[in-house]
Amino acid sequence: MPRELSILGVLIPTILPVFLGCLLLQGVLDWVLSHAGVYRRLWHPALARLCVLICIVGGVTAWLYQ
């Protein structure tokens, strides 16, 4: 995987589109978990959402940059 992508002559790190894709994935997962009532059982739902996002981003980047 390249370290940088050239979009219209602007170099952006490849982790940025990966992170944005993970944000979308986390949004869908957040919607599913909130409708399932998982967040009502947690002590700190915002912290749980952040941890889920970090796990998704870490897993995807580890898979891409192996």
C-alpha atoms as a PDB file:
ATOM      1  CA  MET A   1       0.000   0.000   0.000  1.00  0.00           C
ATOM      2  CA  PRO A   2       1.426   3.413  -0.902  1.00  0.00           C
ATOM      3  CA  ARG A   3       2.185   5.860   1.861  1.00  0.00           C
ATOM      4  CA  GLU A   4       0.528   8.779   0.075  1.00  0.00           C
ATOM      5  CA  LEU A   5      -2.205   9.224  -2.512  1.00  0.00           C
ATOM      6  CA  SER A   6      -2.162  11.973  -5.104  1.00  0.00           C
ATOM      7  CA  ILE A   7      -5.612  13.492  -5.525  1.00  0.00           C
ATOM      8  CA  LEU A   8      -5.633  16.413  -7.965  1.00  0.00           C
ATOM      9  CA  GLY A   9      -1.948  16.971  -7.253  1.00  0.00           C
ATOM     10  CA  VAL A  10      -2.407  17.067  -3.487  1.00  0.00           C
ATOM     11  CA  LEU A  11      -0.677  14.342  -1.495  1.00  0.00           C
ATOM     12  CA  ILE A  12      -2.761  12.918   1.325  1.00  0.00           C
ATOM     13  CA  PRO A  13      -1.761  10.082   3.634  1.00  0.00           C
ATOM     14  CA  THR A  14      -3.484   6.775   2.909  1.00  0.00           C
ATOM     15  CA  ILE A  15      -4.624   6.541   6.508  1.00  0.00           C
ATOM     16  CA  LEU A  16      -7.091   9.418   5.915  1.00  0.00           C
ATOM     17  CA  PRO A  17      -9.433   7.568   3.496  1.00  0.00           C
ATOM     18  CA  VAL A  18      -9.066   4.462   5.668  1.00  0.00           C
ATOM     19  CA  PHE A  19     -10.125   6.476   8.721  1.00  0.00           C
ATOM     20  CA  LEU A  20     -13.085   8.015   6.889  1.00  0.00           C
ATOM     21  CA  GLY A  21     -14.235   4.572   5.764  1.00  0.00           C
ATOM     22  CA  CYS A  22     -13.927   3.315   9.318  1.00  0.00           C
ATOM     23  CA  LEU A  23     -16.029   6.254  10.509  1.00  0.00           C
ATOM     24  CA  LEU A  24     -18.789   5.175   8.146  1.00  0.00           C
ATOM     25  CA  LEU A  25     -18.525   1.581   9.317  1.00  0.00           C
ATOM     26  CA  GLN A  26     -18.623   2.691  12.944  1.00  0.00           C
ATOM     27  CA  GLY A  27     -21.688   4.834  12.225  1.00  0.00           C
ATOM     28  CA  VAL A  28     -23.563   1.821  10.868  1.00  0.00           C
ATOM     29  CA  LEU A  29     -22.427  -0.348  13.775  1.00  0.00           C
ATOM     30  CA  ASP A  30     -23.395   2.408  16.232  1.00  0.00           C
ATOM     31  CA  TRP A  31     -26.875   2.573  14.741  1.00  0.00           C
ATOM     32  CA  VAL A  32     -27.298  -1.197  15.049  1.00  0.00           C
ATOM     33  CA  LEU A  33     -26.028  -1.286  18.639  1.00  0.00           C
ATOM     34  CA  SER A  34     -28.180   1.649  19.727  1.00  0.00           C
ATOM     35  CA  HIS A  35     -31.337   0.091  18.271  1.00  0.00           C
ATOM     36  CA  ALA A  36     -30.460  -3.214  19.939  1.00  0.00           C
ATOM     37  CA  GLY A  37     -30.305  -1.413  23.303  1.00  0.00           C
ATOM     38  CA  VAL A  38     -26.665  -2.207  24.036  1.00  0.00           C
ATOM     39  CA  TYR A  39     -25.775   1.345  25.025  1.00  0.00           C
ATOM     40  CA  ARG A  40     -28.437   1.440  27.755  1.00  0.00           C
ATOM     41  CA  ARG A  41     -26.530  -1.250  29.646  1.00  0.00           C
ATOM     42  CA  LEU A  42     -23.166   0.524  29.528  1.00  0.00           C
ATOM     43  CA  TRP A  43     -21.778   2.893  32.118  1.00  0.00           C
ATOM     44  CA  HIS A  44     -20.332   5.371  29.595  1.00  0.00           C
ATOM     45  CA  PRO A  45     -21.782   5.010  26.068  1.00  0.00           C
ATOM     46  CA  ALA A  46     -19.586   7.710  24.512  1.00  0.00           C
ATOM     47  CA  LEU A  47     -16.453   5.969  25.764  1.00  0.00           C
ATOM     48  CA  ALA A  48     -17.714   2.664  24.372  1.00  0.00           C
ATOM     49  CA  ARG A  49     -18.317   4.313  20.981  1.00  0.00           C
ATOM     50  CA  LEU A  50     -14.774   5.697  20.977  1.00  0.00           C
ATOM     51  CA  CYS A  51     -13.313   2.306  21.887  1.00  0.00           C
ATOM     52  CA  VAL A  52     -15.259   0.621  19.083  1.00  0.00           C
ATOM     53  CA  LEU A  53     -13.933   3.197  16.610  1.00  0.00           C
ATOM     54  CA  ILE A  54     -10.351   2.706  17.794  1.00  0.00           C
ATOM     55  CA  CYS A  55     -10.701  -1.075  17.476  1.00  0.00           C
ATOM     56  CA  ILE A  56     -12.109  -0.778  13.945  1.00  0.00           C
ATOM     57  CA  VAL A  57      -9.391   1.637  12.782  1.00  0.00           C
ATOM     58  CA  GLY A  58      -6.656  -0.428  14.413  1.00  0.00           C
ATOM     59  CA  GLY A  59      -7.914  -3.654  12.881  1.00  0.00           C
ATOM     60  CA  VAL A  60      -8.280  -2.244   9.383  1.00  0.00           C
ATOM     61  CA  THR A  61      -4.871  -0.548   9.405  1.00  0.00           C
ATOM     62  CA  ALA A  62      -3.205  -3.687  10.760  1.00  0.00           C
ATOM     63  CA  TRP A  63      -4.876  -5.678   7.988  1.00  0.00           C
ATOM     64  CA  LEU A  64      -3.843  -3.194   5.263  1.00  0.00           C
ATOM     65  CA  TYR A  65      -0.279  -2.550   6.451  1.00  0.00           C
ATOM     66  CA  GLN A  66       0.773  -6.120   7.274  1.00  0.00           C
END
